[in-house]
N, C-alpha and C. Protein backbone atom coordinates (compact mmCIF):
# COMPACT_ATOMS: atom_id res chain seq x y z
N UNK A 1 0.83 -1.18 0.00
CA UNK A 1 0.00 0.00 0.00
C UNK A 1 0.88 1.24 0.00
N UNK A 2 0.51 2.27 -0.74
CA UNK A 2 1.31 3.48 -0.86
C UNK A 2 1.17 4.34 0.38
N UNK A 3 2.23 5.14 0.61
CA UNK A 3 2.17 6.08 1.71
C UNK A 3 1.22 7.23 1.34
N UNK A 4 0.65 7.85 2.33
CA UNK A 4 -0.24 9.00 2.10
C UNK A 4 0.38 10.19 2.82
N UNK A 5 0.58 11.30 2.09
CA UNK A 5 1.17 12.47 2.72
C UNK A 5 0.10 13.34 3.37
N UNK A 6 0.49 14.49 3.89
CA UNK A 6 -0.42 15.38 4.63
C UNK A 6 -1.60 15.82 3.77
N UNK A 7 -1.37 16.05 2.50
CA UNK A 7 -2.44 16.52 1.61
C UNK A 7 -3.29 15.37 1.08
N UNK A 8 -3.09 14.20 1.64
CA UNK A 8 -3.87 13.04 1.26
C UNK A 8 -3.61 12.61 -0.19
N UNK A 9 -2.35 12.87 -0.67
CA UNK A 9 -1.99 12.45 -2.02
C UNK A 9 -1.08 11.23 -1.91
N UNK A 10 -1.28 10.29 -2.77
CA UNK A 10 -0.43 9.10 -2.78
C UNK A 10 0.93 9.48 -3.36
N UNK A 11 1.99 9.03 -2.70
CA UNK A 11 3.34 9.28 -3.21
C UNK A 11 4.03 7.94 -3.42
N UNK A 12 4.69 7.84 -4.51
CA UNK A 12 5.48 6.65 -4.79
C UNK A 12 6.45 6.99 -5.91
N UNK A 13 7.40 6.11 -6.11
CA UNK A 13 8.36 6.33 -7.19
C UNK A 13 7.66 6.28 -8.54
N UNK A 14 6.60 5.55 -8.64
CA UNK A 14 5.90 5.41 -9.91
C UNK A 14 5.40 6.77 -10.41
N UNK A 15 5.01 7.66 -9.50
CA UNK A 15 4.52 8.97 -9.90
C UNK A 15 5.57 9.74 -10.69
N UNK A 16 6.83 9.56 -10.36
CA UNK A 16 7.91 10.24 -11.08
C UNK A 16 7.91 9.82 -12.54
N UNK A 17 7.60 8.56 -12.78
CA UNK A 17 7.65 8.04 -14.15
C UNK A 17 6.33 8.22 -14.90
N UNK A 18 5.31 8.74 -14.23
CA UNK A 18 4.02 8.95 -14.90
C UNK A 18 4.13 10.01 -15.98
N UNK A 19 5.00 11.00 -15.79
CA UNK A 19 5.20 12.04 -16.79
C UNK A 19 6.18 11.51 -17.83
N UNK A 20 5.77 11.36 -19.08
CA UNK A 20 6.66 10.80 -20.11
C UNK A 20 7.94 11.62 -20.29
N UNK A 21 7.85 12.92 -20.13
CA UNK A 21 9.06 13.75 -20.29
C UNK A 21 10.08 13.43 -19.21
N UNK A 22 9.61 13.28 -17.99
CA UNK A 22 10.51 12.94 -16.89
C UNK A 22 11.12 11.56 -17.11
N UNK A 23 10.28 10.64 -17.50
CA UNK A 23 10.77 9.28 -17.77
C UNK A 23 11.80 9.30 -18.89
N UNK A 24 11.56 10.10 -19.92
CA UNK A 24 12.48 10.20 -21.06
C UNK A 24 13.81 10.79 -20.61
N UNK A 25 13.75 11.83 -19.78
CA UNK A 25 14.98 12.45 -19.27
C UNK A 25 15.76 11.45 -18.42
N UNK A 26 15.07 10.76 -17.53
CA UNK A 26 15.74 9.77 -16.68
C UNK A 26 16.34 8.63 -17.50
N UNK A 27 15.60 8.21 -18.51
CA UNK A 27 16.10 7.15 -19.39
C UNK A 27 17.35 7.63 -20.13
N UNK A 28 17.32 8.88 -20.59
CA UNK A 28 18.49 9.45 -21.26
C UNK A 28 19.70 9.51 -20.35
N UNK A 29 19.49 9.89 -19.09
CA UNK A 29 20.59 9.93 -18.13
C UNK A 29 21.13 8.52 -17.88
N UNK A 30 20.23 7.57 -17.79
CA UNK A 30 20.64 6.18 -17.57
C UNK A 30 21.46 5.66 -18.75
N UNK A 31 20.99 5.95 -19.96
CA UNK A 31 21.71 5.51 -21.17
C UNK A 31 23.07 6.21 -21.24
N UNK A 32 23.11 7.50 -20.90
CA UNK A 32 24.38 8.23 -20.90
C UNK A 32 25.36 7.61 -19.90
N UNK A 33 24.85 7.26 -18.73
CA UNK A 33 25.70 6.62 -17.72
C UNK A 33 26.20 5.27 -18.21
N UNK A 34 25.33 4.50 -18.84
CA UNK A 34 25.76 3.20 -19.39
C UNK A 34 26.82 3.39 -20.46
N UNK A 35 26.64 4.38 -21.33
CA UNK A 35 27.64 4.65 -22.38
C UNK A 35 28.97 5.07 -21.77
N UNK A 36 28.92 5.91 -20.74
CA UNK A 36 30.16 6.34 -20.08
C UNK A 36 30.88 5.13 -19.48
N UNK A 37 30.12 4.27 -18.80
CA UNK A 37 30.73 3.09 -18.19
C UNK A 37 31.27 2.14 -19.25
N UNK A 38 30.54 2.01 -20.36
CA UNK A 38 31.00 1.16 -21.46
C UNK A 38 32.30 1.71 -22.04
N UNK A 39 32.38 3.02 -22.21
CA UNK A 39 33.61 3.63 -22.73
C UNK A 39 34.78 3.43 -21.78
N UNK A 40 34.52 3.55 -20.47
CA UNK A 40 35.57 3.31 -19.49
C UNK A 40 36.04 1.86 -19.55
N UNK A 41 35.09 0.95 -19.68
CA UNK A 41 35.42 -0.47 -19.77
C UNK A 41 36.23 -0.74 -21.04
N UNK A 42 35.81 -0.15 -22.16
CA UNK A 42 36.52 -0.35 -23.43
C UNK A 42 37.94 0.20 -23.35
N UNK A 43 38.08 1.37 -22.71
CA UNK A 43 39.41 1.96 -22.54
C UNK A 43 40.29 1.03 -21.70
N UNK A 44 39.74 0.51 -20.62
CA UNK A 44 40.50 -0.42 -19.78
C UNK A 44 40.88 -1.67 -20.55
N UNK A 45 39.96 -2.18 -21.37
CA UNK A 45 40.26 -3.37 -22.19
C UNK A 45 41.36 -3.07 -23.20
N UNK A 46 41.29 -1.90 -23.83
CA UNK A 46 42.31 -1.50 -24.80
C UNK A 46 43.68 -1.38 -24.13
N UNK A 47 43.70 -0.78 -22.94
CA UNK A 47 44.96 -0.66 -22.20
C UNK A 47 45.51 -2.04 -21.85
N UNK A 48 44.65 -2.94 -21.41
CA UNK A 48 45.09 -4.28 -21.05
C UNK A 48 45.60 -5.03 -22.28
N UNK A 49 44.93 -4.85 -23.41
CA UNK A 49 45.37 -5.48 -24.65
C UNK A 49 46.76 -4.98 -25.03
N UNK A 50 46.97 -3.68 -24.89
CA UNK A 50 48.27 -3.10 -25.20
C UNK A 50 49.35 -3.65 -24.27
N UNK A 51 49.03 -3.74 -22.99
CA UNK A 51 49.98 -4.30 -22.02
C UNK A 51 50.29 -5.75 -22.36
N UNK A 52 49.27 -6.53 -22.71
CA UNK A 52 49.47 -7.93 -23.06
C UNK A 52 50.37 -8.08 -24.28
N UNK A 53 50.17 -7.22 -25.30
CA UNK A 53 51.02 -7.27 -26.49
C UNK A 53 52.46 -6.95 -26.14
N UNK A 54 52.65 -5.92 -25.30
CA UNK A 54 54.00 -5.55 -24.88
C UNK A 54 54.67 -6.69 -24.14
N UNK A 55 53.93 -7.31 -23.22
CA UNK A 55 54.49 -8.43 -22.45
C UNK A 55 54.81 -9.62 -23.34
N UNK A 56 53.96 -9.87 -24.33
CA UNK A 56 54.21 -10.97 -25.25
C UNK A 56 55.49 -10.72 -26.05
N UNK A 57 55.66 -9.48 -26.52
CA UNK A 57 56.86 -9.12 -27.27
C UNK A 57 58.10 -9.27 -26.39
N UNK A 58 58.03 -8.75 -25.16
CA UNK A 58 59.16 -8.87 -24.24
C UNK A 58 59.47 -10.33 -23.95
N UNK A 59 58.44 -11.14 -23.80
CA UNK A 59 58.62 -12.57 -23.53
C UNK A 59 59.35 -13.24 -24.69
N UNK A 60 58.93 -12.91 -25.92
CA UNK A 60 59.59 -13.49 -27.10
C UNK A 60 61.06 -13.07 -27.16
N UNK A 61 61.33 -11.79 -26.86
CA UNK A 61 62.71 -11.31 -26.87
C UNK A 61 63.54 -12.02 -25.81
N UNK A 62 62.96 -12.25 -24.64
CA UNK A 62 63.68 -12.95 -23.58
C UNK A 62 63.93 -14.41 -23.95
N UNK A 63 63.00 -15.03 -24.65
CA UNK A 63 63.21 -16.41 -25.11
C UNK A 63 64.39 -16.47 -26.06
N UNK A 64 64.49 -15.49 -26.97
CA UNK A 64 65.60 -15.45 -27.92
C UNK A 64 66.92 -15.27 -27.16
N UNK A 65 66.93 -14.34 -26.19
CA UNK A 65 68.15 -14.11 -25.41
C UNK A 65 68.54 -15.36 -24.63
N UNK A 66 67.55 -16.07 -24.10
CA UNK A 66 67.82 -17.30 -23.36
C UNK A 66 68.47 -18.34 -24.27
N UNK A 67 67.92 -18.50 -25.47
CA UNK A 67 68.51 -19.46 -26.42
C UNK A 67 69.95 -19.07 -26.75
N UNK A 68 70.19 -17.77 -26.95
CA UNK A 68 71.54 -17.30 -27.25
C UNK A 68 72.47 -17.59 -26.08
N UNK A 69 71.99 -17.34 -24.87
CA UNK A 69 72.80 -17.60 -23.68
C UNK A 69 73.08 -19.09 -23.53
N UNK A 70 72.08 -19.91 -23.80
CA UNK A 70 72.29 -21.36 -23.72
C UNK A 70 73.36 -21.79 -24.72
N UNK A 71 73.31 -21.24 -25.93
CA UNK A 71 74.31 -21.58 -26.94
C UNK A 71 75.70 -21.15 -26.50
N UNK A 72 75.81 -19.97 -25.90
CA UNK A 72 77.11 -19.50 -25.41
C UNK A 72 77.65 -20.41 -24.31
N UNK A 73 76.76 -20.83 -23.41
CA UNK A 73 77.18 -21.72 -22.32
C UNK A 73 77.66 -23.05 -22.90
N UNK A 74 76.94 -23.58 -23.86
CA UNK A 74 77.35 -24.84 -24.50
C UNK A 74 78.71 -24.68 -25.17
N UNK A 75 78.89 -23.57 -25.89
CA UNK A 75 80.17 -23.32 -26.55
C UNK A 75 81.30 -23.20 -25.53
N UNK A 76 81.06 -22.51 -24.43
CA UNK A 76 82.08 -22.38 -23.39
C UNK A 76 82.40 -23.73 -22.75
N UNK A 77 81.38 -24.54 -22.54
CA UNK A 77 81.60 -25.88 -21.98
C UNK A 77 82.46 -26.73 -22.93
N UNK A 78 82.19 -26.60 -24.23
CA UNK A 78 82.99 -27.33 -25.21
C UNK A 78 84.44 -26.86 -25.18
N UNK A 79 84.63 -25.55 -25.06
CA UNK A 79 85.99 -25.01 -24.98
C UNK A 79 86.72 -25.54 -23.75
N UNK A 80 86.04 -25.52 -22.61
CA UNK A 80 86.63 -26.02 -21.37
C UNK A 80 86.98 -27.50 -21.53
N UNK A 81 86.08 -28.25 -22.13
CA UNK A 81 86.33 -29.68 -22.36
C UNK A 81 87.57 -29.88 -23.22
N UNK A 82 87.67 -29.13 -24.31
CA UNK A 82 88.82 -29.27 -25.22
C UNK A 82 90.12 -28.87 -24.52
N UNK A 83 90.07 -27.81 -23.72
CA UNK A 83 91.27 -27.38 -22.99
C UNK A 83 91.69 -28.45 -22.00
N UNK A 84 90.75 -28.97 -21.25
CA UNK A 84 91.07 -30.02 -20.27
C UNK A 84 91.56 -31.29 -20.97
N UNK A 85 90.92 -31.60 -22.08
CA UNK A 85 91.32 -32.79 -22.84
C UNK A 85 92.77 -32.65 -23.31
N UNK A 86 93.09 -31.47 -23.82
CA UNK A 86 94.47 -31.21 -24.27
C UNK A 86 95.44 -31.26 -23.10
N UNK A 87 95.04 -30.67 -21.99
CA UNK A 87 95.90 -30.64 -20.81
C UNK A 87 96.17 -32.05 -20.30
N UNK A 88 95.12 -32.86 -20.19
CA UNK A 88 95.29 -34.23 -19.71
C UNK A 88 96.09 -35.07 -20.70
N UNK A 89 95.86 -34.82 -21.98
CA UNK A 89 96.62 -35.56 -23.00
C UNK A 89 98.10 -35.21 -22.91
N UNK A 90 98.37 -33.92 -22.69
CA UNK A 90 99.77 -33.48 -22.57
C UNK A 90 100.41 -34.09 -21.33
N UNK A 91 99.69 -34.11 -20.23
CA UNK A 91 100.23 -34.68 -18.99
C UNK A 91 100.43 -36.19 -19.13
N UNK A 92 99.54 -36.86 -19.84
CA UNK A 92 99.61 -38.30 -20.01
C UNK A 92 100.81 -38.68 -20.89
N UNK A 93 101.07 -37.83 -21.89
CA UNK A 93 102.17 -38.11 -22.82
C UNK A 93 103.53 -37.79 -22.23
N UNK A 94 103.61 -37.09 -21.13
CA UNK A 94 104.90 -36.76 -20.53
C UNK A 94 105.55 -37.92 -19.90
């Protein structure tokens, strides 16, 4: 049951929407708010997409550097092996 004010008039939220102009204005404000929130969400998504692309690129670059470092380590290990092999061969032949 609706509340009754001093003047014996029924008051409710529905009365606000009884006037089509008021309802249209409120609907416009609601749509504007939804559009603003949608734009904020889209901006946040675009920023996240950009960050993800940057991170993916950096990740790929780091993978390449890792492979290069692994190759250098393998080459250095081979050098150490050859040096030790030569050293032991020289000591054995003495």
